[in-house]
Amino acid sequence: MFVQTIGDHRLPRNIPMKKLILLLLACLTLTASGAPISAEDFFKRNDRNGDGELTRDEFPEWAKSKFDVIDTNHDGFVTLDEMRAFLAKQGGGANGGDPSSTATPGEKKQNNPNQTPPTPTHANVSYGPDESNGLDFWQAPSGAPNPLLVEIHGGGFRQGSKSQVSAQLIQACLESGISVASIEYRFTQKAPYPAQMMDCARALQFIRSKAGEWGIDSKRVAATGGSAGAGISLWLGFHKDLADPNSSDPVARESTRLTCILPTQMQCTYDPRVIKTLIPGNAYDVSAIKFLYGLPATFNWDKDEINPELDAKIKDAAPITHLTKDAPPVYATNDKATDVEGNIHNANFARHLKKLMDGLGIECVIHMNSDFDSQRAAFEDKMAFLKKHLGVAAQK
């Protein structure tokens, strides 16, 4: 009896789990003929919507267990570069075949992004009425009140979890005297825009309401996230303060403003009409944006009516709609592999945002992953920006 056939690789039932995992890895790194499989081949077979990246749903069942390992930036999507890096490690490439290594040859391995995150100081804390309104919080060990970094996960507004936060990021922040929170929010299957943004705004307010108890400096709060999480971070950072000083709810009286924003693989707008002018190809037509507005996947932006209510919602959802001279500084990163026609993570979003922010005299740093010699160098540059703007650069 065989549980699955992949090419000529058949996986038998009733074998030890450890051996099964090794077989799965072998199938991932071999074609039916026994020759190494390329990342391009893997994408050609599995990228069903042709958007240049793979979701967990698009991963074949036999490879799903490795999705979180391959998705090194934990944005809910596997890029071609991430797949290439993974396959290179499996094949004994520059990193010596160690699947968990991020160091370049000759470097000491540290800050391993695949390490197990430390146990949260406060786990699964409810910040709102919906079952999805939960967060984890890691308190910096000393120096309270500490600045805070809020991680907002990606996943097309339809998947993902607070567990996607990088262990490397948590550890580096805690060592620098920065506390960390990772939050979850309602998906579009449950509620369309603005539920996602408003949930994350409420989470920010809730955390600030715990400033005294959790040792947080509520005036030094940054946000980061990938893809959808990047967009939510930008929306919160650019939007006017949602605090209601007259509310009877003490949480609602707290600020939603940010000190700085660090988006990865961002979209600075969710207006398909604007995206069409920024990104060549059909990136504007991805289903995740339609679902964000409660529209069916069959909705045609070029032919179907956009009534005044939908028009207003689309414009309001765009972070750049809310951009003013009072916006916080931004450090944006993109993968070179997704900077292509038709990709919703095209770096033209970051380039457009930088042009707008430069015009307002606001700091906006943008980088491709190819700008750095190693993942470690990229990570350290990002951390330097964060520490600078949170006022801890001189401490570590």
Protein backbone atom coordinates (compact mmCIF):
# COMPACT_ATOMS: atom_id res chain seq x y z
CA MET A 1 0.00 0.00 0.00
CA PHE A 2 1.21 3.49 -0.83
CA VAL A 3 -0.05 6.76 0.57
CA GLN A 4 1.06 9.01 -2.30
CA THR A 5 2.83 8.95 -5.64
CA ILE A 6 5.05 11.89 -6.63
CA GLY A 7 6.59 11.33 -10.00
CA ASP A 8 8.18 7.91 -9.49
CA HIS A 9 8.58 8.48 -5.74
CA ARG A 10 6.02 6.53 -3.76
CA LEU A 11 5.63 7.00 -0.04
CA PRO A 12 4.70 3.81 1.87
CA ARG A 13 2.32 3.70 4.79
CA ASN A 14 3.30 2.66 8.31
CA ILE A 15 6.88 3.96 8.31
CA PRO A 16 8.40 5.97 11.17
CA MET A 17 7.66 9.72 11.05
CA LYS A 18 11.36 10.63 11.01
CA LYS A 19 11.95 8.47 7.96
CA LEU A 20 8.81 9.82 6.29
CA ILE A 21 10.05 13.40 6.70
CA LEU A 22 13.37 12.45 5.13
CA LEU A 23 11.54 10.87 2.23
CA LEU A 24 9.44 13.99 1.80
CA LEU A 25 12.57 16.11 1.66
CA ALA A 26 14.06 13.74 -0.86
CA CYS A 27 10.97 14.11 -3.03
CA LEU A 28 11.24 17.88 -2.77
CA THR A 29 14.84 17.85 -3.94
CA LEU A 30 14.57 15.18 -6.62
CA THR A 31 12.67 14.79 -9.83
CA ALA A 32 11.25 11.48 -10.94
CA SER A 33 14.47 10.75 -12.81
CA GLY A 34 16.62 11.37 -9.75
CA ALA A 35 18.08 14.65 -11.03
CA PRO A 36 17.87 17.78 -8.87
CA ILE A 37 14.66 19.72 -9.21
CA SER A 38 14.93 23.46 -9.85
CA ALA A 39 12.97 26.12 -8.04
CA GLU A 40 11.62 27.21 -11.41
CA ASP A 41 10.27 23.71 -12.06
CA PHE A 42 8.65 23.57 -8.65
CA PHE A 43 6.93 26.91 -9.27
CA LYS A 44 5.83 25.90 -12.75
CA ARG A 45 4.12 22.83 -11.33
CA ASN A 46 2.45 24.49 -8.34
CA ASP A 47 1.88 28.23 -9.01
CA ARG A 48 -1.72 27.72 -10.05
CA ASN A 49 -2.67 31.40 -10.34
CA GLY A 50 0.61 32.41 -11.96
CA ASP A 51 1.30 35.27 -9.54
CA GLY A 52 4.94 34.35 -9.02
CA GLU A 53 4.62 33.07 -5.44
CA LEU A 54 3.16 30.10 -3.63
CA THR A 55 0.61 30.11 -0.85
CA ARG A 56 0.29 27.26 1.62
CA ASP A 57 -2.77 26.06 -0.32
CA GLU A 58 -0.73 25.88 -3.55
CA PHE A 59 1.99 23.76 -1.91
CA PRO A 60 1.58 20.05 -2.65
CA GLU A 61 0.45 18.05 0.36
CA TRP A 62 3.74 16.18 0.63
CA ALA A 63 5.69 19.46 0.97
CA LYS A 64 3.34 21.43 3.23
CA SER A 65 5.29 20.46 6.35
CA LYS A 66 8.26 22.50 5.08
CA PHE A 67 6.28 25.60 4.10
CA ASP A 68 7.17 27.59 7.23
CA VAL A 69 10.85 26.69 6.87
CA ILE A 70 11.01 27.78 3.23
CA ASP A 71 8.96 30.95 3.91
CA THR A 72 11.89 32.61 5.68
CA ASN A 73 10.28 36.04 6.02
CA HIS A 74 7.03 34.46 7.27
CA ASP A 75 4.76 36.60 5.11
CA GLY A 76 2.56 33.65 4.14
CA PHE A 77 4.02 33.34 0.64
CA VAL A 78 7.01 31.43 -0.73
CA THR A 79 8.97 33.36 -3.34
CA LEU A 80 11.23 31.97 -6.02
CA ASP A 81 14.29 33.24 -4.13
CA GLU A 82 13.15 31.51 -0.93
CA MET A 83 12.68 28.24 -2.81
CA ARG A 84 16.09 28.59 -4.47
CA ALA A 85 17.72 29.20 -1.10
CA PHE A 86 16.02 26.18 0.45
CA LEU A 87 16.97 23.84 -2.39
CA ALA A 88 20.55 25.11 -2.33
CA LYS A 89 20.79 24.22 1.35
CA GLN A 90 19.32 20.77 0.76
CA GLY A 91 21.86 20.21 -2.00
CA GLY A 92 24.86 21.15 0.13
CA GLY A 93 25.33 24.65 -1.29
CA ALA A 94 27.13 27.65 0.12
CA ASN A 95 25.67 27.13 3.57
CA GLY A 96 26.98 23.61 3.93
CA GLY A 97 23.63 21.90 3.51
CA ASP A 98 22.34 23.06 6.90
CA PRO A 99 18.63 23.86 6.35
CA SER A 100 18.60 26.21 9.33
CA SER A 101 21.67 28.25 8.40
CA THR A 102 21.44 31.83 7.18
CA ALA A 103 25.15 32.60 7.37
CA THR A 104 27.32 33.19 4.33
CA PRO A 105 30.55 31.17 3.97
CA GLY A 106 33.00 32.07 6.70
CA GLU A 107 30.36 33.70 8.91
CA LYS A 108 29.52 32.43 12.35
CA LYS A 109 25.89 31.32 12.38
CA GLN A 110 23.79 33.41 14.76
CA ASN A 111 20.29 34.81 14.98
CA ASN A 112 18.96 31.73 13.22
CA PRO A 113 15.53 32.77 11.84
CA ASN A 114 14.26 29.20 12.17
CA GLN A 115 15.02 28.87 15.87
CA THR A 116 12.20 28.32 18.33
CA PRO A 117 10.76 31.62 19.61
CA PRO A 118 11.12 32.29 23.34
CA THR A 119 8.04 31.72 25.46
CA PRO A 120 5.85 34.86 25.51
CA THR A 121 5.59 36.78 28.75
CA HIS A 122 1.85 36.92 28.09
CA ALA A 123 0.39 34.45 25.56
CA ASN A 124 -2.97 34.33 23.80
CA VAL A 125 -4.18 37.56 25.36
CA SER A 126 -7.61 38.66 24.10
CA TYR A 127 -7.74 42.29 23.03
CA GLY A 128 -11.21 42.37 21.49
CA PRO A 129 -14.57 40.61 21.21
CA ASP A 130 -13.82 38.29 18.29
CA GLU A 131 -12.13 34.94 18.82
CA SER A 132 -9.41 36.01 16.39
CA ASN A 133 -8.54 39.07 18.48
CA GLY A 134 -5.52 37.63 20.24
CA LEU A 135 -1.89 38.58 20.80
CA ASP A 136 1.35 37.33 22.29
CA PHE A 137 3.67 39.69 24.17
CA TRP A 138 7.36 39.37 24.99
CA GLN A 139 8.60 41.83 27.60
CA ALA A 140 12.18 43.06 27.36
CA PRO A 141 14.08 41.80 30.44
CA SER A 142 15.29 45.18 31.67
CA GLY A 143 15.16 48.93 31.15
CA ALA A 144 11.39 49.45 31.53
CA PRO A 145 9.59 51.33 30.27
CA ASN A 146 10.69 49.77 26.99
CA PRO A 147 9.85 50.67 23.40
CA LEU A 148 7.67 48.19 21.53
CA LEU A 149 7.67 46.51 18.12
CA VAL A 150 4.30 45.16 16.95
CA GLU A 151 4.38 42.35 14.37
CA ILE A 152 1.34 42.03 12.07
CA HIS A 153 1.38 38.83 10.04
CA GLY A 154 0.71 38.53 6.34
CA GLY A 155 -1.35 36.05 4.34
CA GLY A 156 -3.52 37.99 1.90
CA PHE A 157 -5.90 39.02 4.72
CA ARG A 158 -7.16 35.41 4.60
CA GLN A 159 -4.61 33.30 6.48
CA GLY A 160 -1.63 33.44 8.81
CA SER A 161 -1.14 33.70 12.55
CA LYS A 162 0.78 35.48 15.27
CA SER A 163 3.13 32.50 15.41
CA GLN A 164 4.68 33.65 12.14
CA VAL A 165 6.79 36.22 13.99
CA SER A 166 10.49 35.50 13.53
CA ALA A 167 12.32 34.08 16.53
CA GLN A 168 15.40 35.92 15.30
CA LEU A 169 13.51 39.21 15.40
CA ILE A 170 12.11 38.58 18.88
CA GLN A 171 15.50 37.67 20.30
CA ALA A 172 17.29 40.63 18.70
CA CYS A 173 14.64 43.03 19.99
CA LEU A 174 14.67 41.65 23.53
CA GLU A 175 18.48 41.85 23.61
CA SER A 176 18.19 45.50 22.53
CA GLY A 177 15.65 46.39 25.18
CA ILE A 178 12.66 46.37 22.81
CA SER A 179 9.52 44.48 23.79
CA VAL A 180 7.58 42.64 21.07
CA ALA A 181 3.92 41.90 20.41
CA SER A 182 2.49 39.71 17.66
CA ILE A 183 -1.18 40.08 16.85
CA GLU A 184 -3.98 38.35 14.96
CA TYR A 185 -7.04 39.87 13.32
CA ARG A 186 -10.22 38.89 11.51
CA PHE A 187 -9.80 37.48 8.01
CA THR A 188 -11.85 38.55 5.02
CA GLN A 189 -13.74 35.24 5.15
CA LYS A 190 -15.32 36.63 8.31
CA ALA A 191 -15.40 40.39 7.71
CA PRO A 192 -14.26 42.67 4.86
CA TYR A 193 -12.36 45.94 5.14
CA PRO A 194 -11.99 47.84 7.46
CA ALA A 195 -12.21 44.99 10.01
CA GLN A 196 -8.52 44.02 9.61
CA MET A 197 -7.23 47.56 10.12
CA MET A 198 -9.61 48.33 12.95
CA ASP A 199 -8.74 45.09 14.78
CA CYS A 200 -5.04 45.94 14.64
CA ALA A 201 -5.77 49.52 15.74
CA ARG A 202 -7.66 48.10 18.73
CA ALA A 203 -4.73 45.79 19.50
CA LEU A 204 -2.40 48.80 19.53
CA GLN A 205 -4.71 50.63 21.89
CA PHE A 206 -5.07 47.60 24.14
CA ILE A 207 -1.30 47.16 24.41
CA ARG A 208 -0.87 50.84 25.22
CA SER A 209 -3.51 50.49 27.93
CA LYS A 210 -1.20 47.88 29.50
CA ALA A 211 1.82 50.21 29.41
CA GLY A 212 2.20 50.42 33.17
CA GLU A 213 1.64 46.72 33.81
CA TRP A 214 3.80 45.52 30.89
CA GLY A 215 6.56 48.13 31.16
CA ILE A 216 5.91 49.78 27.79
CA ASP A 217 6.90 53.27 26.69
CA SER A 218 3.71 54.13 24.79
CA LYS A 219 5.45 56.98 22.97
CA ARG A 220 7.90 54.61 21.27
CA VAL A 221 5.90 52.05 19.29
CA ALA A 222 6.84 50.65 15.87
CA ALA A 223 5.07 48.19 13.57
CA THR A 224 6.30 45.65 11.06
CA GLY A 225 4.81 42.93 8.90
CA GLY A 226 4.91 41.22 5.54
CA SER A 227 2.48 41.66 2.65
CA ALA A 228 -0.97 42.19 4.21
CA GLY A 229 0.73 42.87 7.53
CA ALA A 230 2.91 45.46 5.82
CA GLY A 231 -0.14 47.18 4.39
CA ILE A 232 -1.93 47.24 7.75
CA SER A 233 1.21 48.64 9.39
CA LEU A 234 1.39 51.43 6.82
CA TRP A 235 -2.33 52.16 7.12
CA LEU A 236 -2.06 52.49 10.90
CA GLY A 237 1.07 54.60 10.66
CA PHE A 238 -0.34 57.04 8.11
CA HIS A 239 -3.92 57.24 9.35
CA LYS A 240 -4.98 59.98 11.70
CA ASP A 241 -5.01 58.95 15.34
CA LEU A 242 -8.06 56.78 16.04
CA ALA A 243 -8.04 57.57 19.75
CA ASP A 244 -11.37 58.83 21.09
CA PRO A 245 -10.55 61.01 24.11
CA ASN A 246 -14.24 61.23 25.06
CA SER A 247 -14.91 57.49 25.04
CA SER A 248 -16.14 55.76 28.18
CA ASP A 249 -13.87 52.86 27.17
CA PRO A 250 -10.34 53.54 28.49
CA VAL A 251 -8.80 51.38 25.75
CA ALA A 252 -10.47 53.46 23.04
CA ARG A 253 -8.88 56.57 24.50
CA GLU A 254 -5.39 55.25 23.68
CA SER A 255 -3.44 56.38 20.62
CA THR A 256 -2.92 54.38 17.42
CA ARG A 257 0.04 56.42 16.18
CA LEU A 258 3.40 54.81 15.37
CA THR A 259 7.02 55.94 15.73
CA CYS A 260 8.25 54.13 12.62
CA ILE A 261 7.13 51.39 10.21
CA LEU A 262 9.12 48.50 8.73
CA PRO A 263 7.05 46.84 5.97
CA THR A 264 8.21 43.83 3.94
CA GLN A 265 6.80 43.00 0.49
CA MET A 266 4.32 45.85 0.90
CA GLN A 267 1.41 47.22 -1.00
CA CYS A 268 1.06 50.96 -0.38
CA THR A 269 -2.38 50.94 -2.01
CA TYR A 270 -5.20 48.45 -2.45
CA ASP A 271 -6.84 50.46 -5.20
CA PRO A 272 -6.74 48.27 -8.35
CA ARG A 273 -7.04 51.37 -10.53
CA VAL A 274 -3.82 52.74 -9.06
CA ILE A 275 -2.07 49.37 -8.93
CA LYS A 276 -2.70 49.01 -12.66
CA THR A 277 -0.64 52.16 -13.27
CA LEU A 278 2.18 51.06 -10.95
CA ILE A 279 2.64 47.36 -11.71
CA PRO A 280 2.75 45.98 -15.26
CA GLY A 281 0.55 42.97 -15.87
CA ASN A 282 -2.43 41.75 -13.88
CA ALA A 283 -1.28 42.25 -10.28
CA TYR A 284 -4.28 44.55 -9.79
CA ASP A 285 -6.60 41.59 -10.34
CA VAL A 286 -5.49 39.32 -7.48
CA SER A 287 -8.42 37.77 -5.66
CA ALA A 288 -7.18 38.80 -2.20
CA ILE A 289 -7.96 42.45 -2.99
CA LYS A 290 -11.44 41.57 -4.21
CA PHE A 291 -12.10 39.58 -1.05
CA LEU A 292 -10.82 42.52 1.02
CA TYR A 293 -13.83 44.49 -0.21
CA GLY A 294 -16.28 41.61 0.08
CA LEU A 295 -16.37 41.04 -3.69
CA PRO A 296 -16.43 37.70 -5.50
CA ALA A 297 -13.31 36.42 -7.25
CA THR A 298 -15.13 36.90 -10.55
CA PHE A 299 -15.49 40.67 -10.08
CA ASN A 300 -14.06 42.47 -13.11
CA TRP A 301 -12.37 45.77 -12.28
CA ASP A 302 -12.45 46.80 -15.93
CA LYS A 303 -16.11 46.07 -16.62
CA ASP A 304 -18.13 45.82 -13.42
CA GLU A 305 -19.60 48.88 -11.74
CA ILE A 306 -17.68 50.51 -8.89
CA ASN A 307 -20.43 52.34 -7.05
CA PRO A 308 -19.73 55.35 -4.79
CA GLU A 309 -19.73 53.22 -1.63
CA LEU A 310 -17.17 50.78 -3.04
CA ASP A 311 -15.12 53.64 -4.47
CA ALA A 312 -14.93 55.31 -1.06
CA LYS A 313 -13.95 52.03 0.61
CA ILE A 314 -11.20 51.36 -1.94
CA LYS A 315 -9.72 54.82 -1.49
CA ASP A 316 -9.89 54.63 2.30
CA ALA A 317 -8.15 51.24 2.38
CA ALA A 318 -5.08 52.64 0.59
CA PRO A 319 -2.37 53.60 3.09
CA ILE A 320 -1.17 56.41 0.81
CA THR A 321 -4.61 58.03 0.96
CA HIS A 322 -3.79 58.90 4.57
CA LEU A 323 -0.18 59.95 4.03
CA THR A 324 0.61 63.43 5.40
CA LYS A 325 3.73 65.32 6.42
CA ASP A 326 3.20 64.02 9.96
CA ALA A 327 3.71 60.38 8.93
CA PRO A 328 6.44 58.33 10.66
CA PRO A 329 9.60 57.19 8.82
CA VAL A 330 9.53 53.95 6.82
CA TYR A 331 12.07 51.20 6.16
CA ALA A 332 10.75 48.97 3.35
CA THR A 333 12.25 45.78 1.96
CA ASN A 334 11.41 43.67 -1.09
CA ASP A 335 12.57 40.41 -2.66
CA LYS A 336 14.21 40.77 -6.06
CA ALA A 337 12.42 37.65 -7.29
CA THR A 338 9.00 39.30 -6.89
CA ASP A 339 10.00 42.54 -8.61
CA VAL A 340 8.50 41.31 -11.86
CA GLU A 341 5.50 41.97 -14.05
CA GLY A 342 2.19 40.88 -12.57
CA ASN A 343 3.46 40.30 -9.04
CA ILE A 344 1.47 41.85 -6.20
CA HIS A 345 4.72 42.19 -4.23
CA ASN A 346 6.43 44.19 -6.96
CA ALA A 347 8.89 46.75 -5.54
CA ASN A 348 7.18 49.53 -7.52
CA PHE A 349 4.90 49.88 -4.50
CA ALA A 350 7.91 50.81 -2.38
CA ARG A 351 9.34 53.05 -5.08
CA HIS A 352 6.04 54.88 -5.39
CA LEU A 353 5.78 55.33 -1.64
CA LYS A 354 9.34 56.65 -1.45
CA LYS A 355 8.59 59.21 -4.14
CA LEU A 356 5.55 60.43 -2.21
CA MET A 357 7.36 60.51 1.12
CA ASP A 358 10.41 62.22 -0.35
CA GLY A 359 8.07 64.90 -1.63
CA LEU A 360 6.83 65.45 1.92
CA GLY A 361 10.31 65.43 3.40
CA ILE A 362 9.77 62.19 5.36
CA GLU A 363 12.47 59.55 5.64
CA CYS A 364 11.73 56.49 3.52
CA VAL A 365 14.45 53.87 3.08
CA ILE A 366 13.83 51.12 0.54
CA HIS A 367 15.97 48.04 -0.10
CA MET A 368 15.92 44.92 -2.21
CA ASN A 369 17.23 41.76 -0.56
CA SER A 370 19.89 41.76 -3.30
CA ASP A 371 21.33 44.99 -1.88
CA PHE A 372 23.04 42.97 0.86
CA ASP A 373 25.77 40.35 0.87
CA SER A 374 23.85 38.14 3.29
CA GLN A 375 20.55 37.77 5.11
CA ARG A 376 22.42 38.62 8.28
CA ALA A 377 23.60 41.96 6.86
CA ALA A 378 20.05 42.78 5.73
CA PHE A 379 18.65 41.92 9.15
CA GLU A 380 21.23 44.01 10.98
CA ASP A 381 20.55 47.03 8.75
CA LYS A 382 16.84 46.76 9.48
CA MET A 383 17.51 46.45 13.21
CA ALA A 384 19.76 49.52 13.10
CA PHE A 385 16.89 51.56 11.63
CA LEU A 386 14.47 50.26 14.25
CA LYS A 387 16.79 50.96 17.17
CA LYS A 388 17.64 54.41 15.86
CA HIS A 389 14.00 55.50 15.68
CA LEU A 390 13.02 53.84 18.95
CA GLY A 391 15.89 55.60 20.68
CA VAL A 392 17.86 52.53 21.74
CA ALA A 393 20.69 52.59 19.19
CA ALA A 394 23.16 53.93 21.75
CA GLN A 395 22.33 51.17 24.22
CA LYS A 396 23.36 48.19 22.09
